[in-house]
PDB file of N, CA and C in Angstrom:
ATOM      1  N   UNK A   1       0.820  -1.187   0.000  1.00  0.00           N
ATOM      2  CA  UNK A   1       0.000   0.000   0.000  1.00  0.00           C
ATOM      3  C   UNK A   1       0.870   1.260   0.000  1.00  0.00           C
ATOM      4  N   UNK A   2       2.109   1.117   0.366  1.00  0.00           N
ATOM      5  CA  UNK A   2       3.067   2.233   0.362  1.00  0.00           C
ATOM      6  C   UNK A   2       2.604   3.416   1.217  1.00  0.00           C
ATOM      7  N   UNK A   3       2.069   3.115   2.391  1.00  0.00           N
ATOM      8  CA  UNK A   3       1.639   4.163   3.314  1.00  0.00           C
ATOM      9  C   UNK A   3       2.848   4.762   4.014  1.00  0.00           C
ATOM     10  N   UNK A   4       2.767   6.054   4.293  1.00  0.00           N
ATOM     11  CA  UNK A   4       3.832   6.727   5.015  1.00  0.00           C
ATOM     12  C   UNK A   4       3.240   7.492   6.192  1.00  0.00           C
ATOM     13  N   UNK A   5       4.025   7.611   7.240  1.00  0.00           N
ATOM     14  CA  UNK A   5       3.612   8.351   8.427  1.00  0.00           C
ATOM     15  C   UNK A   5       3.845   9.837   8.168  1.00  0.00           C
ATOM     16  N   UNK A   6       2.853  10.662   8.525  1.00  0.00           N
ATOM     17  CA  UNK A   6       2.991  12.106   8.347  1.00  0.00           C
ATOM     18  C   UNK A   6       4.061  12.620   9.315  1.00  0.00           C
ATOM     19  N   UNK A   7       5.087  13.324   8.831  1.00  0.00           N
ATOM     20  CA  UNK A   7       6.201  13.719   9.704  1.00  0.00           C
ATOM     21  C   UNK A   7       5.824  14.725  10.789  1.00  0.00           C
ATOM     22  N   UNK A   8       4.830  15.567  10.568  1.00  0.00           N
ATOM     23  CA  UNK A   8       4.451  16.587  11.551  1.00  0.00           C
ATOM     24  C   UNK A   8       3.395  16.067  12.518  1.00  0.00           C
ATOM     25  N   UNK A   9       2.464  15.274  12.032  1.00  0.00           N
ATOM     26  CA  UNK A   9       1.346  14.817  12.848  1.00  0.00           C
ATOM     27  C   UNK A   9       1.666  13.587  13.693  1.00  0.00           C
ATOM     28  N   UNK A  10       2.827  13.011  13.546  1.00  0.00           N
ATOM     29  CA  UNK A  10       3.206  11.812  14.264  1.00  0.00           C
ATOM     30  C   UNK A  10       4.035  12.186  15.478  1.00  0.00           C
ATOM     31  N   UNK A  11       3.685  11.626  16.623  1.00  0.00           N
ATOM     32  CA  UNK A  11       4.429  11.894  17.856  1.00  0.00           C
ATOM     33  C   UNK A  11       4.726  10.579  18.557  1.00  0.00           C
ATOM     34  N   UNK A  12       5.899  10.488  19.100  1.00  0.00           N
ATOM     35  CA  UNK A  12       6.264   9.339  19.933  1.00  0.00           C
ATOM     36  C   UNK A  12       6.212   9.796  21.380  1.00  0.00           C
ATOM     37  N   UNK A  13       5.571   9.007  22.212  1.00  0.00           N
ATOM     38  CA  UNK A  13       5.508   9.337  23.638  1.00  0.00           C
ATOM     39  C   UNK A  13       5.432   8.046  24.439  1.00  0.00           C
ATOM     40  N   UNK A  14       5.693   8.181  25.734  1.00  0.00           N
ATOM     41  CA  UNK A  14       5.649   7.008  26.615  1.00  0.00           C
ATOM     42  C   UNK A  14       4.210   6.511  26.742  1.00  0.00           C
ATOM     43  N   UNK A  15       4.029   5.223  26.748  1.00  0.00           N
ATOM     44  CA  UNK A  15       2.682   4.662  26.849  1.00  0.00           C
ATOM     45  C   UNK A  15       2.043   4.942  28.204  1.00  0.00           C
ATOM     46  N   UNK A  16       2.851   5.223  29.220  1.00  0.00           N
ATOM     47  CA  UNK A  16       2.294   5.512  30.544  1.00  0.00           C
ATOM     48  C   UNK A  16       1.513   6.822  30.554  1.00  0.00           C
ATOM     49  N   UNK A  17       1.823   7.730  29.635  1.00  0.00           N
ATOM     50  CA  UNK A  17       1.102   9.000  29.553  1.00  0.00           C
ATOM     51  C   UNK A  17      -0.243   8.835  28.855  1.00  0.00           C
ATOM     52  N   UNK A  18      -0.362   7.834  28.043  1.00  0.00           N
ATOM     53  CA  UNK A  18      -1.590   7.609  27.304  1.00  0.00           C
ATOM     54  C   UNK A  18      -1.682   8.515  26.089  1.00  0.00           C
ATOM     55  N   UNK A  19      -2.693   8.248  25.259  1.00  0.00           N
ATOM     56  CA  UNK A  19      -2.912   9.081  24.073  1.00  0.00           C
ATOM     57  C   UNK A  19      -4.389   9.462  24.004  1.00  0.00           C
ATOM     58  N   UNK A  20      -4.670  10.601  23.390  1.00  0.00           N
ATOM     59  CA  UNK A  20      -6.039  11.025  23.152  1.00  0.00           C
ATOM     60  C   UNK A  20      -6.508  10.422  21.838  1.00  0.00           C
ATOM     61  N   UNK A  21      -7.686   9.814  21.875  1.00  0.00           N
ATOM     62  CA  UNK A  21      -8.238   9.214  20.661  1.00  0.00           C
ATOM     63  C   UNK A  21      -9.756   9.231  20.747  1.00  0.00           C
ATOM     64  N   UNK A  22     -10.401   9.848  19.796  1.00  0.00           N
ATOM     65  CA  UNK A  22     -11.855   9.985  19.648  1.00  0.00           C
ATOM     66  C   UNK A  22     -12.579  10.241  20.974  1.00  0.00           C
ATOM     67  N   UNK A  23     -12.090  11.225  21.720  1.00  0.00           N
ATOM     68  CA  UNK A  23     -12.766  11.620  22.951  1.00  0.00           C
ATOM     69  C   UNK A  23     -12.384  10.838  24.182  1.00  0.00           C
ATOM     70  N   UNK A  24     -11.430   9.947  24.053  1.00  0.00           N
ATOM     71  CA  UNK A  24     -10.988   9.141  25.182  1.00  0.00           C
ATOM     72  C   UNK A  24      -9.494   9.335  25.407  1.00  0.00           C
ATOM     73  N   UNK A  25      -9.065   9.046  26.606  1.00  0.00           N
ATOM     74  CA  UNK A  25      -7.645   8.978  26.942  1.00  0.00           C
ATOM     75  C   UNK A  25      -7.340   7.498  27.076  1.00  0.00           C
ATOM     76  N   UNK A  26      -6.535   6.971  26.164  1.00  0.00           N
ATOM     77  CA  UNK A  26      -6.217   5.542  26.144  1.00  0.00           C
ATOM     78  C   UNK A  26      -4.913   5.335  26.911  1.00  0.00           C
ATOM     79  N   UNK A  27      -5.017   4.656  28.035  1.00  0.00           N
ATOM     80  CA  UNK A  27      -3.868   4.341  28.885  1.00  0.00           C
ATOM     81  C   UNK A  27      -3.571   2.851  28.767  1.00  0.00           C
ATOM     82  N   UNK A  28      -2.422   2.400  29.234  1.00  0.00           N
ATOM     83  CA  UNK A  28      -2.090   0.978  29.090  1.00  0.00           C
ATOM     84  C   UNK A  28      -3.106   0.027  29.703  1.00  0.00           C
ATOM     85  N   UNK A  29      -3.738   0.427  30.818  1.00  0.00           N
ATOM     86  CA  UNK A  29      -4.633  -0.497  31.507  1.00  0.00           C
ATOM     87  C   UNK A  29      -6.101  -0.064  31.497  1.00  0.00           C
ATOM     88  N   UNK A  30      -6.411   1.095  30.928  1.00  0.00           N
ATOM     89  CA  UNK A  30      -7.808   1.537  30.908  1.00  0.00           C
ATOM     90  C   UNK A  30      -8.043   2.571  29.815  1.00  0.00           C
ATOM     91  N   UNK A  31      -9.319   2.799  29.519  1.00  0.00           N
ATOM     92  CA  UNK A  31      -9.728   3.812  28.552  1.00  0.00           C
ATOM     93  C   UNK A  31     -10.682   4.751  29.280  1.00  0.00           C
ATOM     94  N   UNK A  32     -10.284   6.021  29.411  1.00  0.00           N
ATOM     95  CA  UNK A  32     -11.079   6.981  30.176  1.00  0.00           C
ATOM     96  C   UNK A  32     -11.608   8.070  29.255  1.00  0.00           C
ATOM     97  N   UNK A  33     -12.720   8.686  29.651  1.00  0.00           N
ATOM     98  CA  UNK A  33     -13.283   9.797  28.903  1.00  0.00           C
ATOM     99  C   UNK A  33     -12.430  11.030  29.173  1.00  0.00           C
ATOM    100  N   UNK A  34     -12.143  11.797  28.117  1.00  0.00           N
ATOM    101  CA  UNK A  34     -11.386  13.034  28.313  1.00  0.00           C
ATOM    102  C   UNK A  34     -12.232  14.009  29.124  1.00  0.00           C
ATOM    103  N   UNK A  35     -11.592  14.771  29.992  1.00  0.00           N
ATOM    104  CA  UNK A  35     -12.289  15.710  30.870  1.00  0.00           C
ATOM    105  C   UNK A  35     -13.112  16.727  30.082  1.00  0.00           C
ATOM    106  N   UNK A  36     -12.557  17.253  29.013  1.00  0.00           N
ATOM    107  CA  UNK A  36     -13.281  18.246  28.217  1.00  0.00           C
ATOM    108  C   UNK A  36     -14.546  17.639  27.618  1.00  0.00           C
ATOM    109  N   UNK A  37     -14.489  16.420  27.166  1.00  0.00           N
ATOM    110  CA  UNK A  37     -15.677  15.772  26.612  1.00  0.00           C
ATOM    111  C   UNK A  37     -16.734  15.555  27.689  1.00  0.00           C
ATOM    112  N   UNK A  38     -16.304  15.244  28.887  1.00  0.00           N
ATOM    113  CA  UNK A  38     -17.230  15.039  29.986  1.00  0.00           C
ATOM    114  C   UNK A  38     -17.921  16.347  30.369  1.00  0.00           C
ATOM    115  N   UNK A  39     -17.157  17.425  30.453  1.00  0.00           N
ATOM    116  CA  UNK A  39     -17.755  18.740  30.749  1.00  0.00           C
ATOM    117  C   UNK A  39     -18.762  19.144  29.676  1.00  0.00           C
ATOM    118  N   UNK A  40     -18.386  18.957  28.431  1.00  0.00           N
ATOM    119  CA  UNK A  40     -19.270  19.308  27.320  1.00  0.00           C
ATOM    120  C   UNK A  40     -20.559  18.481  27.365  1.00  0.00           C
ATOM    121  N   UNK A  41     -20.439  17.213  27.677  1.00  0.00           N
ATOM    122  CA  UNK A  41     -21.620  16.345  27.741  1.00  0.00           C
ATOM    123  C   UNK A  41     -22.534  16.733  28.893  1.00  0.00           C
ATOM    124  N   UNK A  42     -21.963  17.097  30.026  1.00  0.00           N
ATOM    125  CA  UNK A  42     -22.802  17.519  31.161  1.00  0.00           C
ATOM    126  C   UNK A  42     -23.572  18.788  30.827  1.00  0.00           C
ATOM    127  N   UNK A  43     -22.909  19.736  30.161  1.00  0.00           N
ATOM    128  CA  UNK A  43     -23.617  20.956  29.732  1.00  0.00           C
ATOM    129  C   UNK A  43     -24.742  20.601  28.769  1.00  0.00           C
ATOM    130  N   UNK A  44     -24.478  19.686  27.842  1.00  0.00           N
ATOM    131  CA  UNK A  44     -25.483  19.271  26.867  1.00  0.00           C
ATOM    132  C   UNK A  44     -26.664  18.594  27.550  1.00  0.00           C
ATOM    133  N   UNK A  45     -26.394  17.744  28.544  1.00  0.00           N
ATOM    134  CA  UNK A  45     -27.471  17.076  29.265  1.00  0.00           C
ATOM    135  C   UNK A  45     -28.338  18.081  30.024  1.00  0.00           C
ATOM    136  N   UNK A  46     -27.721  19.123  30.579  1.00  0.00           N
ATOM    137  CA  UNK A  46     -28.511  20.167  31.242  1.00  0.00           C
ATOM    138  C   UNK A  46     -29.412  20.885  30.244  1.00  0.00           C
ATOM    139  N   UNK A  47     -28.879  21.164  29.055  1.00  0.00           N
ATOM    140  CA  UNK A  47     -29.711  21.797  28.009  1.00  0.00           C
ATOM    141  C   UNK A  47     -30.863  20.885  27.602  1.00  0.00           C
ATOM    142  N   UNK A  48     -30.605  19.579  27.531  1.00  0.00           N
ATOM    143  CA  UNK A  48     -31.668  18.627  27.213  1.00  0.00           C
ATOM    144  C   UNK A  48     -32.747  18.648  28.295  1.00  0.00           C
ATOM    145  N   UNK A  49     -32.336  18.704  29.553  1.00  0.00           N
ATOM    146  CA  UNK A  49     -33.317  18.755  30.645  1.00  0.00           C
ATOM    147  C   UNK A  49     -34.209  19.985  30.510  1.00  0.00           C
ATOM    148  N   UNK A  50     -33.611  21.129  30.282  1.00  0.00           N
ATOM    149  CA  UNK A  50     -34.376  22.376  30.150  1.00  0.00           C
ATOM    150  C   UNK A  50     -35.272  22.325  28.921  1.00  0.00           C
ATOM    151  N   UNK A  51     -34.720  21.874  27.798  1.00  0.00           N
ATOM    152  CA  UNK A  51     -35.503  21.785  26.570  1.00  0.00           C
ATOM    153  C   UNK A  51     -36.674  20.831  26.687  1.00  0.00           C
ATOM    154  N   UNK A  52     -36.458  19.711  27.347  1.00  0.00           N
ATOM    155  CA  UNK A  52     -37.537  18.743  27.535  1.00  0.00           C
ATOM    156  C   UNK A  52     -38.605  19.306  28.471  1.00  0.00           C
ATOM    157  N   UNK A  53     -38.165  19.976  29.522  1.00  0.00           N
ATOM    158  CA  UNK A  53     -39.101  20.578  30.475  1.00  0.00           C
ATOM    159  C   UNK A  53     -39.973  21.637  29.793  1.00  0.00           C
ATOM    160  N   UNK A  54     -39.366  22.419  28.904  1.00  0.00           N
ATOM    161  CA  UNK A  54     -40.095  23.489  28.210  1.00  0.00           C
ATOM    162  C   UNK A  54     -40.859  23.002  26.985  1.00  0.00           C
ATOM    163  N   UNK A  55     -40.734  21.729  26.655  1.00  0.00           N
ATOM    164  CA  UNK A  55     -41.452  21.181  25.504  1.00  0.00           C
ATOM    165  C   UNK A  55     -40.766  21.434  24.176  1.00  0.00           C
ATOM    166  N   UNK A  56     -39.510  21.884  24.196  1.00  0.00           N
ATOM    167  CA  UNK A  56     -38.766  22.159  22.964  1.00  0.00           C
ATOM    168  C   UNK A  56     -38.181  20.892  22.363  1.00  0.00           C
ATOM    169  N   UNK A  57     -37.952  19.885  23.186  1.00  0.00           N
ATOM    170  CA  UNK A  57     -37.400  18.606  22.743  1.00  0.00           C
ATOM    171  C   UNK A  57     -38.408  17.518  23.084  1.00  0.00           C
ATOM    172  N   UNK A  58     -38.700  16.669  22.114  1.00  0.00           N
ATOM    173  CA  UNK A  58     -39.637  15.571  22.347  1.00  0.00           C
ATOM    174  C   UNK A  58     -38.946  14.383  22.991  1.00  0.00           C
ATOM    175  N   UNK A  59     -39.753  13.460  23.471  1.00  0.00           N
ATOM    176  CA  UNK A  59     -39.218  12.269  24.151  1.00  0.00           C
ATOM    177  C   UNK A  59     -38.347  11.432  23.211  1.00  0.00           C
ATOM    178  N   UNK A  60     -38.778  11.279  21.954  1.00  0.00           N
ATOM    179  CA  UNK A  60     -38.001  10.464  21.018  1.00  0.00           C
ATOM    180  C   UNK A  60     -36.631  11.065  20.751  1.00  0.00           C
ATOM    181  N   UNK A  61     -36.579  12.368  20.516  1.00  0.00           N
ATOM    182  CA  UNK A  61     -35.315  13.047  20.258  1.00  0.00           C
ATOM    183  C   UNK A  61     -34.404  12.958  21.479  1.00  0.00           C
ATOM    184  N   UNK A  62     -34.966  13.155  22.660  1.00  0.00           N
ATOM    185  CA  UNK A  62     -34.200  13.064  23.899  1.00  0.00           C
ATOM    186  C   UNK A  62     -33.615  11.661  24.069  1.00  0.00           C
ATOM    187  N   UNK A  63     -34.440  10.658  23.829  1.00  0.00           N
ATOM    188  CA  UNK A  63     -33.989   9.268  23.948  1.00  0.00           C
ATOM    189  C   UNK A  63     -32.863   8.981  22.961  1.00  0.00           C
ATOM    190  N   UNK A  64     -32.987   9.451  21.725  1.00  0.00           N
ATOM    191  CA  UNK A  64     -31.935   9.246  20.724  1.00  0.00           C
ATOM    192  C   UNK A  64     -30.617   9.861  21.166  1.00  0.00           C
ATOM    193  N   UNK A  65     -30.671  11.089  21.648  1.00  0.00           N
ATOM    194  CA  UNK A  65     -29.456  11.795  22.059  1.00  0.00           C
ATOM    195  C   UNK A  65     -28.772  11.094  23.220  1.00  0.00           C
ATOM    196  N   UNK A  66     -29.533  10.701  24.208  1.00  0.00           N
ATOM    197  CA  UNK A  66     -28.953  10.050  25.385  1.00  0.00           C
ATOM    198  C   UNK A  66     -28.397   8.675  25.024  1.00  0.00           C
ATOM    199  N   UNK A  67     -29.122   7.916  24.233  1.00  0.00           N
ATOM    200  CA  UNK A  67     -28.622   6.592  23.823  1.00  0.00           C
ATOM    201  C   UNK A  67     -27.340   6.711  23.009  1.00  0.00           C
ATOM    202  N   UNK A  68     -27.266   7.738  22.181  1.00  0.00           N
ATOM    203  CA  UNK A  68     -26.064   7.953  21.384  1.00  0.00           C
ATOM    204  C   UNK A  68     -24.856   8.203  22.282  1.00  0.00           C
ATOM    205  N   UNK A  69     -25.030   9.047  23.286  1.00  0.00           N
ATOM    206  CA  UNK A  69     -23.920   9.352  24.185  1.00  0.00           C
ATOM    207  C   UNK A  69     -23.532   8.128  25.015  1.00  0.00           C
ATOM    208  N   UNK A  70     -24.522   7.370  25.470  1.00  0.00           N
ATOM    209  CA  UNK A  70     -24.237   6.140  26.222  1.00  0.00           C
ATOM    210  C   UNK A  70     -23.452   5.160  25.349  1.00  0.00           C
ATOM    211  N   UNK A  71     -23.838   5.027  24.093  1.00  0.00           N
ATOM    212  CA  UNK A  71     -23.140   4.115  23.179  1.00  0.00           C
ATOM    213  C   UNK A  71     -21.682   4.542  23.008  1.00  0.00           C
ATOM    214  N   UNK A  72     -21.449   5.847  22.927  1.00  0.00           N
ATOM    215  CA  UNK A  72     -20.075   6.342  22.823  1.00  0.00           C
ATOM    216  C   UNK A  72     -19.289   6.007  24.090  1.00  0.00           C
ATOM    217  N   UNK A  73     -19.892   6.226  25.244  1.00  0.00           N
ATOM    218  CA  UNK A  73     -19.213   5.965  26.517  1.00  0.00           C
ATOM    219  C   UNK A  73     -18.893   4.494  26.712  1.00  0.00           C
ATOM    220  N   UNK A  74     -19.686   3.611  26.139  1.00  0.00           N
ATOM    221  CA  UNK A  74     -19.472   2.178  26.327  1.00  0.00           C
ATOM    222  C   UNK A  74     -18.156   1.692  25.719  1.00  0.00           C
ATOM    223  N   UNK A  75     -17.513   2.516  24.908  1.00  0.00           N
ATOM    224  CA  UNK A  75     -16.217   2.134  24.340  1.00  0.00           C
ATOM    225  C   UNK A  75     -15.088   2.281  25.355  1.00  0.00           C
ATOM    226  N   UNK A  76     -15.378   2.939  26.472  1.00  0.00           N
ATOM    227  CA  UNK A  76     -14.364   3.113  27.507  1.00  0.00           C
ATOM    228  C   UNK A  76     -14.735   2.372  28.773  1.00  0.00           C
ATOM    229  N   UNK A  77     -13.913   2.550  29.785  1.00  0.00           N
ATOM    230  CA  UNK A  77     -14.171   1.950  31.097  1.00  0.00           C
ATOM    231  C   UNK A  77     -15.002   2.949  31.907  1.00  0.00           C
ATOM    232  N   UNK A  78     -16.308   2.983  31.648  1.00  0.00           N
ATOM    233  CA  UNK A  78     -17.136   4.077  32.162  1.00  0.00           C
ATOM    234  C   UNK A  78     -18.388   3.627  32.897  1.00  0.00           C
ATOM    235  N   UNK A  79     -18.455   2.403  33.346  1.00  0.00           N
ATOM    236  CA  UNK A  79     -19.694   1.935  33.975  1.00  0.00           C
ATOM    237  C   UNK A  79     -20.062   2.791  35.186  1.00  0.00           C
ATOM    238  N   UNK A  80     -19.112   3.035  36.065  1.00  0.00           N
ATOM    239  CA  UNK A  80     -19.378   3.822  37.277  1.00  0.00           C
ATOM    240  C   UNK A  80     -19.717   5.272  36.917  1.00  0.00           C
ATOM    241  N   UNK A  81     -19.047   5.827  35.952  1.00  0.00           N
ATOM    242  CA  UNK A  81     -19.328   7.190  35.499  1.00  0.00           C
ATOM    243  C   UNK A  81     -20.753   7.305  34.972  1.00  0.00           C
ATOM    244  N   UNK A  82     -21.151   6.379  34.126  1.00  0.00           N
ATOM    245  CA  UNK A  82     -22.519   6.395  33.587  1.00  0.00           C
ATOM    246  C   UNK A  82     -23.546   6.253  34.701  1.00  0.00           C
ATOM    247  N   UNK A  83     -23.269   5.398  35.657  1.00  0.00           N
ATOM    248  CA  UNK A  83     -24.200   5.208  36.782  1.00  0.00           C
ATOM    249  C   UNK A  83     -24.381   6.495  37.561  1.00  0.00           C
ATOM    250  N   UNK A  84     -23.293   7.190  37.851  1.00  0.00           N
ATOM    251  CA  UNK A  84     -23.375   8.437  38.627  1.00  0.00           C
ATOM    252  C   UNK A  84     -24.092   9.534  37.859  1.00  0.00           C
ATOM    253  N   UNK A  85     -23.765   9.691  36.585  1.00  0.00           N
ATOM    254  CA  UNK A  85     -24.368  10.766  35.794  1.00  0.00           C
ATOM    255  C   UNK A  85     -25.873  10.558  35.647  1.00  0.00           C
ATOM    256  N   UNK A  86     -26.284   9.371  35.265  1.00  0.00           N
ATOM    257  CA  UNK A  86     -27.698   9.159  34.979  1.00  0.00           C
ATOM    258  C   UNK A  86     -28.543   8.931  36.223  1.00  0.00           C
ATOM    259  N   UNK A  87     -27.911   8.632  37.350  1.00  0.00           N
ATOM    260  CA  UNK A  87     -28.674   8.532  38.601  1.00  0.00           C
ATOM    261  C   UNK A  87     -29.136   9.905  39.057  1.00  0.00           C
ATOM    262  N   UNK A  88     -28.392  10.951  38.692  1.00  0.00           N
ATOM    263  CA  UNK A  88     -28.730  12.289  39.139  1.00  0.00           C
ATOM    264  C   UNK A  88     -29.637  13.044  38.166  1.00  0.00           C
ATOM    265  N   UNK A  89     -29.910  12.488  36.997  1.00  0.00           N
ATOM    266  CA  UNK A  89     -30.732  13.182  35.996  1.00  0.00           C
ATOM    267  C   UNK A  89     -32.216  12.894  36.190  1.00  0.00           C
ATOM    268  N   UNK A  90     -33.017  13.939  36.109  1.00  0.00           N
ATOM    269  CA  UNK A  90     -34.462  13.806  36.143  1.00  0.00           C
ATOM    270  C   UNK A  90     -35.028  14.675  35.018  1.00  0.00           C
ATOM    271  N   UNK A  91     -35.830  14.093  34.168  1.00  0.00           N
ATOM    272  CA  UNK A  91     -36.437  14.815  33.065  1.00  0.00           C
ATOM    273  C   UNK A  91     -37.936  14.951  33.342  1.00  0.00           C
ATOM    274  N   UNK A  92     -38.402  16.170  33.464  1.00  0.00           N
ATOM    275  CA  UNK A  92     -39.829  16.432  33.720  1.00  0.00           C
ATOM    276  C   UNK A  92     -40.388  17.330  32.620  1.00  0.00           C
ATOM    277  N   UNK A  93     -41.702  17.244  32.459  1.00  0.00           N
ATOM    278  CA  UNK A  93     -42.376  18.053  31.456  1.00  0.00           C
ATOM    279  C   UNK A  93     -43.243  19.083  32.198  1.00  0.00           C
ATOM    280  N   UNK A  94     -43.174  20.312  31.722  1.00  0.00           N
ATOM    281  CA  UNK A  94     -44.007  21.360  32.304  1.00  0.00           C
ATOM    282  C   UNK A  94     -45.450  21.128  31.886  1.00  0.00           C
ATOM    283  N   UNK A  95     -46.352  21.205  32.818  1.00  0.00           N
ATOM    284  CA  UNK A  95     -47.766  21.001  32.518  1.00  0.00           C
ATOM    285  C   UNK A  95     -48.453  22.354  32.411  1.00  0.00           C
ATOM    286  N   UNK A  96     -49.400  22.419  31.496  1.00  0.00           N
ATOM    287  CA  UNK A  96     -50.200  23.619  31.393  1.00  0.00           C
ATOM    288  C   UNK A  96     -49.903  24.516  30.272  1.00  0.00           C
TER     289      UNK A  96
END
């Protein structure tokens, strides 16, 4: 295939430091969510709560968004993280 490594975009580093890859920090013994991605997701979940409460987001759209994020998180070692985040979420609809 005659593939070559890009000279500027390629970096060598110790495996103990881990590498960033598609929103995760890949370490030798675990795969963790990057902090920035976690902060961004928490802000997004708060917006979903407000939007759902105000009737701007429907149940189907909300379910799709949350399932998508859960599916992404399942690629890492995130069971405890998912449990903590979703245990604290409550989605209510404004009546009237």
